[in-house]
C-alpha atoms as a PDB file:
ATOM      1  CA  UNK A   1     -82.238  37.983-301.781  1.00  0.00           C
ATOM      2  CA  UNK A   2     -78.626  37.191-301.026  1.00  0.00           C
ATOM      3  CA  UNK A   3     -77.503  40.481-302.576  1.00  0.00           C
ATOM      4  CA  UNK A   4     -80.165  42.378-300.591  1.00  0.00           C
ATOM      5  CA  UNK A   5     -79.062  40.858-297.262  1.00  0.00           C
ATOM      6  CA  UNK A   6     -75.407  41.571-298.047  1.00  0.00           C
ATOM      7  CA  UNK A   7     -76.230  45.199-298.832  1.00  0.00           C
ATOM      8  CA  UNK A   8     -78.200  45.609-295.608  1.00  0.00           C
ATOM      9  CA  UNK A   9     -75.339  44.112-293.604  1.00  0.00           C
ATOM     10  CA  UNK A  10     -72.893  46.543-295.162  1.00  0.00           C
ATOM     11  CA  UNK A  11     -75.162  49.491-294.361  1.00  0.00           C
ATOM     12  CA  UNK A  12     -75.500  48.369-290.732  1.00  0.00           C
ATOM     13  CA  UNK A  13     -71.702  48.060-290.358  1.00  0.00           C
ATOM     14  CA  UNK A  14     -71.184  51.510-291.866  1.00  0.00           C
ATOM     15  CA  UNK A  15     -73.729  52.920-289.436  1.00  0.00           C
ATOM     16  CA  UNK A  16     -71.998  51.340-286.431  1.00  0.00           C
ATOM     17  CA  UNK A  17     -68.580  52.595-287.556  1.00  0.00           C
ATOM     18  CA  UNK A  18     -69.967  56.065-288.108  1.00  0.00           C
ATOM     19  CA  UNK A  19     -71.600  56.101-284.683  1.00  0.00           C
ATOM     20  CA  UNK A  20     -68.376  54.898-283.011  1.00  0.00           C
ATOM     21  CA  UNK A  21     -66.407  57.607-284.778  1.00  0.00           C
ATOM     22  CA  UNK A  22     -68.929  60.176-283.582  1.00  0.00           C
ATOM     23  CA  UNK A  23     -68.540  59.046-279.972  1.00  0.00           C
ATOM     24  CA  UNK A  24     -64.725  59.133-280.239  1.00  0.00           C
ATOM     25  CA  UNK A  25     -64.812  62.667-281.661  1.00  0.00           C
ATOM     26  CA  UNK A  26     -67.247  63.849-278.990  1.00  0.00           C
ATOM     27  CA  UNK A  27     -65.116  62.314-276.245  1.00  0.00           C
ATOM     28  CA  UNK A  28     -61.989  63.976-277.570  1.00  0.00           C
ATOM     29  CA  UNK A  29     -63.763  67.331-277.704  1.00  0.00           C
ATOM     30  CA  UNK A  30     -64.837  66.834-274.103  1.00  0.00           C
ATOM     31  CA  UNK A  31     -61.272  65.912-273.147  1.00  0.00           C
ATOM     32  CA  UNK A  32     -62.008  62.242-272.422  1.00  0.00           C
ATOM     33  CA  UNK A  33     -59.778  61.025-275.206  1.00  0.00           C
ATOM     34  CA  UNK A  34     -56.971  63.498-274.470  1.00  0.00           C
ATOM     35  CA  UNK A  35     -53.819  62.432-272.641  1.00  0.00           C
ATOM     36  CA  UNK A  36     -53.900  62.924-268.872  1.00  0.00           C
ATOM     37  CA  UNK A  37     -51.923  66.041-268.051  1.00  0.00           C
ATOM     38  CA  UNK A  38     -53.047  66.225-264.456  1.00  0.00           C
ATOM     39  CA  UNK A  39     -49.738  64.807-263.205  1.00  0.00           C
ATOM     40  CA  UNK A  40     -47.509  66.876-265.464  1.00  0.00           C
ATOM     41  CA  UNK A  41     -45.167  68.998-263.399  1.00  0.00           C
ATOM     42  CA  UNK A  42     -45.436  66.706-260.350  1.00  0.00           C
ATOM     43  CA  UNK A  43     -42.177  65.674-258.650  1.00  0.00           C
ATOM     44  CA  UNK A  44     -40.964  62.255-259.760  1.00  0.00           C
ATOM     45  CA  UNK A  45     -39.835  59.936-256.937  1.00  0.00           C
ATOM     46  CA  UNK A  46     -38.088  57.795-259.546  1.00  0.00           C
ATOM     47  CA  UNK A  47     -35.949  60.738-260.673  1.00  0.00           C
ATOM     48  CA  UNK A  48     -34.293  60.967-257.247  1.00  0.00           C
ATOM     49  CA  UNK A  49     -34.202  57.231-256.530  1.00  0.00           C
ATOM     50  CA  UNK A  50     -30.437  57.041-257.073  1.00  0.00           C
ATOM     51  CA  UNK A  51     -27.385  59.193-257.624  1.00  0.00           C
ATOM     52  CA  UNK A  52     -26.973  57.566-261.054  1.00  0.00           C
ATOM     53  CA  UNK A  53     -30.237  59.226-262.117  1.00  0.00           C
ATOM     54  CA  UNK A  54     -29.576  62.377-260.100  1.00  0.00           C
ATOM     55  CA  UNK A  55     -25.788  62.902-260.413  1.00  0.00           C
ATOM     56  CA  UNK A  56     -25.527  66.644-259.735  1.00  0.00           C
ATOM     57  CA  UNK A  57     -24.169  67.312-256.250  1.00  0.00           C
ATOM     58  CA  UNK A  58     -26.012  69.476-253.790  1.00  0.00           C
ATOM     59  CA  UNK A  59     -24.809  73.017-253.202  1.00  0.00           C
ATOM     60  CA  UNK A  60     -25.159  75.530-250.399  1.00  0.00           C
ATOM     61  CA  UNK A  61     -27.065  77.834-252.738  1.00  0.00           C
ATOM     62  CA  UNK A  62     -29.577  75.081-253.520  1.00  0.00           C
ATOM     63  CA  UNK A  63     -30.237  74.087-249.924  1.00  0.00           C
ATOM     64  CA  UNK A  64     -29.667  77.264-247.894  1.00  0.00           C
ATOM     65  CA  UNK A  65     -29.769  80.221-250.253  1.00  0.00           C
ATOM     66  CA  UNK A  66     -30.666  83.012-247.849  1.00  0.00           C
ATOM     67  CA  UNK A  67     -30.197  84.373-244.365  1.00  0.00           C
ATOM     68  CA  UNK A  68     -33.506  82.904-243.272  1.00  0.00           C
ATOM     69  CA  UNK A  69     -36.001  80.184-244.117  1.00  0.00           C
ATOM     70  CA  UNK A  70     -39.609  81.377-244.070  1.00  0.00           C
ATOM     71  CA  UNK A  71     -42.137  78.702-243.165  1.00  0.00           C
ATOM     72  CA  UNK A  72     -45.710  79.780-242.593  1.00  0.00           C
ATOM     73  CA  UNK A  73     -45.865  82.513-240.005  1.00  0.00           C
ATOM     74  CA  UNK A  74     -42.350  81.890-238.682  1.00  0.00           C
ATOM     75  CA  UNK A  75     -38.809  82.393-239.946  1.00  0.00           C
ATOM     76  CA  UNK A  76     -35.748  80.340-239.106  1.00  0.00           C
ATOM     77  CA  UNK A  77     -32.645  82.543-239.035  1.00  0.00           C
ATOM     78  CA  UNK A  78     -29.605  80.878-240.614  1.00  0.00           C
ATOM     79  CA  UNK A  79     -26.519  81.550-238.488  1.00  0.00           C
ATOM     80  CA  UNK A  80     -23.972  79.337-240.268  1.00  0.00           C
ATOM     81  CA  UNK A  81     -23.811  76.958-243.243  1.00  0.00           C
ATOM     82  CA  UNK A  82     -21.354  74.220-244.128  1.00  0.00           C
ATOM     83  CA  UNK A  83     -20.817  71.693-246.914  1.00  0.00           C
ATOM     84  CA  UNK A  84     -18.483  68.707-246.689  1.00  0.00           C
ATOM     85  CA  UNK A  85     -17.711  65.569-248.672  1.00  0.00           C
ATOM     86  CA  UNK A  86     -16.852  63.713-245.456  1.00  0.00           C
ATOM     87  CA  UNK A  87     -20.257  62.815-244.058  1.00  0.00           C
ATOM     88  CA  UNK A  88     -18.893  61.619-240.723  1.00  0.00           C
ATOM     89  CA  UNK A  89     -18.180  65.242-239.770  1.00  0.00           C
ATOM     90  CA  UNK A  90     -21.930  65.722-239.256  1.00  0.00           C
ATOM     91  CA  UNK A  91     -22.400  62.600-237.135  1.00  0.00           C
ATOM     92  CA  UNK A  92     -21.060  61.055-233.967  1.00  0.00           C
ATOM     93  CA  UNK A  93     -20.274  57.494-232.938  1.00  0.00           C
ATOM     94  CA  UNK A  94     -21.216  54.634-235.235  1.00  0.00           C
ATOM     95  CA  UNK A  95     -23.540  56.725-237.394  1.00  0.00           C
ATOM     96  CA  UNK A  96     -20.578  58.244-239.246  1.00  0.00           C
ATOM     97  CA  UNK A  97     -19.449  54.795-240.399  1.00  0.00           C
ATOM     98  CA  UNK A  98     -23.021  53.817-241.230  1.00  0.00           C
ATOM     99  CA  UNK A  99     -23.384  56.836-243.545  1.00  0.00           C
ATOM    100  CA  UNK A 100     -20.109  56.100-245.303  1.00  0.00           C
ATOM    101  CA  UNK A 101     -21.207  52.488-245.847  1.00  0.00           C
ATOM    102  CA  UNK A 102     -24.430  53.865-247.398  1.00  0.00           C
ATOM    103  CA  UNK A 103     -22.376  55.627-250.071  1.00  0.00           C
ATOM    104  CA  UNK A 104     -22.651  59.127-248.621  1.00  0.00           C
ATOM    105  CA  UNK A 105     -20.638  61.621-250.689  1.00  0.00           C
ATOM    106  CA  UNK A 106     -21.639  64.930-249.120  1.00  0.00           C
ATOM    107  CA  UNK A 107     -23.551  66.641-246.364  1.00  0.00           C
ATOM    108  CA  UNK A 108     -25.015  70.155-246.582  1.00  0.00           C
ATOM    109  CA  UNK A 109     -26.113  71.650-243.280  1.00  0.00           C
ATOM    110  CA  UNK A 110     -26.869  74.829-241.399  1.00  0.00           C
ATOM    111  CA  UNK A 111     -27.300  76.036-237.861  1.00  0.00           C
ATOM    112  CA  UNK A 112     -30.447  78.039-237.256  1.00  0.00           C
ATOM    113  CA  UNK A 113     -32.319  79.959-234.610  1.00  0.00           C
ATOM    114  CA  UNK A 114     -35.924  78.753-234.471  1.00  0.00           C
ATOM    115  CA  UNK A 115     -38.876  81.177-234.269  1.00  0.00           C
ATOM    116  CA  UNK A 116     -39.476  79.926-230.720  1.00  0.00           C
ATOM    117  CA  UNK A 117     -37.502  81.537-227.926  1.00  0.00           C
ATOM    118  CA  UNK A 118     -34.437  79.581-226.863  1.00  0.00           C
ATOM    119  CA  UNK A 119     -34.507  76.853-229.544  1.00  0.00           C
ATOM    120  CA  UNK A 120     -31.524  76.270-231.828  1.00  0.00           C
ATOM    121  CA  UNK A 121     -31.329  73.778-234.669  1.00  0.00           C
ATOM    122  CA  UNK A 122     -28.756  72.079-236.839  1.00  0.00           C
ATOM    123  CA  UNK A 123     -30.367  70.657-239.968  1.00  0.00           C
ATOM    124  CA  UNK A 124     -29.180  69.292-243.297  1.00  0.00           C
ATOM    125  CA  UNK A 125     -29.153  66.696-246.055  1.00  0.00           C
ATOM    126  CA  UNK A 126     -26.917  63.666-246.593  1.00  0.00           C
ATOM    127  CA  UNK A 127     -26.423  62.613-250.223  1.00  0.00           C
ATOM    128  CA  UNK A 128     -26.467  58.794-250.318  1.00  0.00           C
ATOM    129  CA  UNK A 129     -26.073  56.281-253.138  1.00  0.00           C
ATOM    130  CA  UNK A 130     -29.715  55.362-253.700  1.00  0.00           C
ATOM    131  CA  UNK A 131     -33.149  55.194-252.107  1.00  0.00           C
ATOM    132  CA  UNK A 132     -32.567  51.686-250.782  1.00  0.00           C
ATOM    133  CA  UNK A 133     -29.395  52.795-249.003  1.00  0.00           C
ATOM    134  CA  UNK A 134     -31.173  55.847-247.566  1.00  0.00           C
ATOM    135  CA  UNK A 135     -34.096  53.786-246.257  1.00  0.00           C
ATOM    136  CA  UNK A 136     -31.781  51.181-244.773  1.00  0.00           C
ATOM    137  CA  UNK A 137     -29.625  53.845-243.108  1.00  0.00           C
ATOM    138  CA  UNK A 138     -32.704  55.524-241.644  1.00  0.00           C
ATOM    139  CA  UNK A 139     -33.837  52.247-240.116  1.00  0.00           C
ATOM    140  CA  UNK A 140     -30.405  51.430-238.674  1.00  0.00           C
ATOM    141  CA  UNK A 141     -29.903  54.872-237.137  1.00  0.00           C
ATOM    142  CA  UNK A 142     -32.744  54.525-234.627  1.00  0.00           C
ATOM    143  CA  UNK A 143     -31.230  51.737-232.465  1.00  0.00           C
ATOM    144  CA  UNK A 144     -27.872  53.527-232.497  1.00  0.00           C
ATOM    145  CA  UNK A 145     -29.430  56.761-231.241  1.00  0.00           C
ATOM    146  CA  UNK A 146     -31.595  55.005-228.657  1.00  0.00           C
ATOM    147  CA  UNK A 147     -28.634  53.015-227.280  1.00  0.00           C
ATOM    148  CA  UNK A 148     -26.298  56.025-227.210  1.00  0.00           C
ATOM    149  CA  UNK A 149     -23.958  54.564-229.816  1.00  0.00           C
ATOM    150  CA  UNK A 150     -24.256  57.505-232.197  1.00  0.00           C
ATOM    151  CA  UNK A 151     -26.140  60.633-233.135  1.00  0.00           C
ATOM    152  CA  UNK A 152     -25.991  63.701-235.388  1.00  0.00           C
ATOM    153  CA  UNK A 153     -23.599  66.506-234.516  1.00  0.00           C
ATOM    154  CA  UNK A 154     -24.848  69.952-233.570  1.00  0.00           C
ATOM    155  CA  UNK A 155     -23.070  72.935-235.108  1.00  0.00           C
ATOM    156  CA  UNK A 156     -22.171  75.457-232.436  1.00  0.00           C
ATOM    157  CA  UNK A 157     -22.917  79.110-233.132  1.00  0.00           C
ATOM    158  CA  UNK A 158     -19.660  80.940-233.701  1.00  0.00           C
ATOM    159  CA  UNK A 159     -17.638  77.762-234.229  1.00  0.00           C
ATOM    160  CA  UNK A 160     -15.375  77.493-237.242  1.00  0.00           C
ATOM    161  CA  UNK A 161     -17.094  75.892-240.261  1.00  0.00           C
ATOM    162  CA  UNK A 162     -16.284  72.207-240.327  1.00  0.00           C
ATOM    163  CA  UNK A 163     -15.634  71.919-236.610  1.00  0.00           C
ATOM    164  CA  UNK A 164     -17.996  69.692-234.690  1.00  0.00           C
ATOM    165  CA  UNK A 165     -18.784  70.278-231.028  1.00  0.00           C
ATOM    166  CA  UNK A 166     -19.439  67.471-228.615  1.00  0.00           C
ATOM    167  CA  UNK A 167     -22.431  65.196-228.872  1.00  0.00           C
ATOM    168  CA  UNK A 168     -25.407  66.848-227.185  1.00  0.00           C
ATOM    169  CA  UNK A 169     -27.172  64.407-224.852  1.00  0.00           C
ATOM    170  CA  UNK A 170     -29.714  67.161-224.126  1.00  0.00           C
ATOM    171  CA  UNK A 171     -30.709  67.343-227.808  1.00  0.00           C
ATOM    172  CA  UNK A 172     -33.591  65.811-229.694  1.00  0.00           C
ATOM    173  CA  UNK A 173     -32.829  64.459-233.164  1.00  0.00           C
ATOM    174  CA  UNK A 174     -35.075  63.623-236.108  1.00  0.00           C
ATOM    175  CA  UNK A 175     -34.449  62.192-239.561  1.00  0.00           C
ATOM    176  CA  UNK A 176     -36.092  60.493-242.525  1.00  0.00           C
ATOM    177  CA  UNK A 177     -35.260  59.511-246.087  1.00  0.00           C
ATOM    178  CA  UNK A 178     -36.521  60.997-249.348  1.00  0.00           C
ATOM    179  CA  UNK A 179     -35.199  59.396-252.527  1.00  0.00           C
ATOM    180  CA  UNK A 180     -31.443  58.906-252.204  1.00  0.00           C
ATOM    181  CA  UNK A 181     -31.237  61.633-249.548  1.00  0.00           C
ATOM    182  CA  UNK A 182     -31.439  61.526-245.771  1.00  0.00           C
ATOM    183  CA  UNK A 183     -32.627  64.711-244.049  1.00  0.00           C
ATOM    184  CA  UNK A 184     -32.026  65.310-240.359  1.00  0.00           C
ATOM    185  CA  UNK A 185     -32.173  67.880-237.574  1.00  0.00           C
ATOM    186  CA  UNK A 186     -30.711  68.326-234.112  1.00  0.00           C
ATOM    187  CA  UNK A 187     -32.784  70.490-231.751  1.00  0.00           C
ATOM    188  CA  UNK A 188     -31.230  72.052-228.656  1.00  0.00           C
ATOM    189  CA  UNK A 189     -32.002  74.839-226.217  1.00  0.00           C
ATOM    190  CA  UNK A 190     -29.675  77.777-225.646  1.00  0.00           C
ATOM    191  CA  UNK A 191     -29.998  77.273-221.871  1.00  0.00           C
ATOM    192  CA  UNK A 192     -28.865  73.623-222.263  1.00  0.00           C
ATOM    193  CA  UNK A 193     -32.116  72.351-220.751  1.00  0.00           C
ATOM    194  CA  UNK A 194     -32.778  68.866-222.201  1.00  0.00           C
ATOM    195  CA  UNK A 195     -35.550  68.592-224.798  1.00  0.00           C
ATOM    196  CA  UNK A 196     -38.249  66.472-223.164  1.00  0.00           C
ATOM    197  CA  UNK A 197     -40.251  63.848-225.107  1.00  0.00           C
ATOM    198  CA  UNK A 198     -43.396  65.964-224.706  1.00  0.00           C
ATOM    199  CA  UNK A 199     -41.754  69.250-225.690  1.00  0.00           C
ATOM    200  CA  UNK A 200     -44.393  71.380-227.486  1.00  0.00           C
ATOM    201  CA  UNK A 201     -42.037  72.950-230.032  1.00  0.00           C
ATOM    202  CA  UNK A 202     -39.701  70.125-231.096  1.00  0.00           C
ATOM    203  CA  UNK A 203     -42.333  68.346-233.269  1.00  0.00           C
ATOM    204  CA  UNK A 204     -43.180  71.648-235.005  1.00  0.00           C
ATOM    205  CA  UNK A 205     -39.518  72.370-235.728  1.00  0.00           C
ATOM    206  CA  UNK A 206     -38.974  68.846-237.054  1.00  0.00           C
ATOM    207  CA  UNK A 207     -42.034  69.038-239.314  1.00  0.00           C
ATOM    208  CA  UNK A 208     -41.110  72.529-240.545  1.00  0.00           C
ATOM    209  CA  UNK A 209     -37.523  71.760-241.469  1.00  0.00           C
ATOM    210  CA  UNK A 210     -37.590  68.091-242.464  1.00  0.00           C
ATOM    211  CA  UNK A 211     -41.012  67.638-244.045  1.00  0.00           C
ATOM    212  CA  UNK A 212     -41.914  71.071-245.348  1.00  0.00           C
ATOM    213  CA  UNK A 213     -38.558  72.607-246.179  1.00  0.00           C
ATOM    214  CA  UNK A 214     -35.815  70.045-246.889  1.00  0.00           C
ATOM    215  CA  UNK A 215     -37.901  67.113-248.175  1.00  0.00           C
ATOM    216  CA  UNK A 216     -40.753  69.168-249.603  1.00  0.00           C
ATOM    217  CA  UNK A 217     -39.225  72.333-251.025  1.00  0.00           C
ATOM    218  CA  UNK A 218     -35.531  71.575-251.620  1.00  0.00           C
ATOM    219  CA  UNK A 219     -35.605  67.914-252.662  1.00  0.00           C
ATOM    220  CA  UNK A 220     -39.065  68.330-254.187  1.00  0.00           C
ATOM    221  CA  UNK A 221     -37.749  71.055-256.470  1.00  0.00           C
ATOM    222  CA  UNK A 222     -34.836  68.852-257.524  1.00  0.00           C
ATOM    223  CA  UNK A 223     -37.195  65.976-258.367  1.00  0.00           C
ATOM    224  CA  UNK A 224     -39.387  68.356-260.342  1.00  0.00           C
ATOM    225  CA  UNK A 225     -36.498  69.629-262.452  1.00  0.00           C
ATOM    226  CA  UNK A 226     -35.024  66.238-263.401  1.00  0.00           C
END
């Protein structure tokens, strides 16, 4: 009797193991046991979280490779580009010092004509030490801009590369961080009319250049390739 019960127990265990193996095989054939590849090829925020992980400097060819930037139905015509390892050249007032304290090693920027009549833009990327420094700088810039103690410099059409015209009180500026980078834009009108808070085109320009192009396409491509 003891031998019979032992034999039955062994048969039951073999049956369970066989059934489990069958389910595992079926799941693998259905893809349930396969590794998740759905996120393969997605940009990695960690890859651009610091310049230690992302040491290659930006270049003009990487950021502004052509004579225009096509975004949706509109095209932004690039009128001038500039790269500098002195970040304060692209800022005014206390923001220049703030960027240097954040470990900024370069700024890549361009002046553009927007696809809306009369709107001109200066936009670019600051290369900071790490994501923490970029976030902190972005937070500290707002009170400086709002109090008139600093801003981003607009590049004048026809000016010599590297020269920075006066601060534009009639301009509207935007910025935000992505990884260890800070992207920004300065929007002005060719007729020097101040950009009002309810301007219908300024939010579109900011979203096009900062969110879609610089943060999405340029920095996104860098994160994807690391």
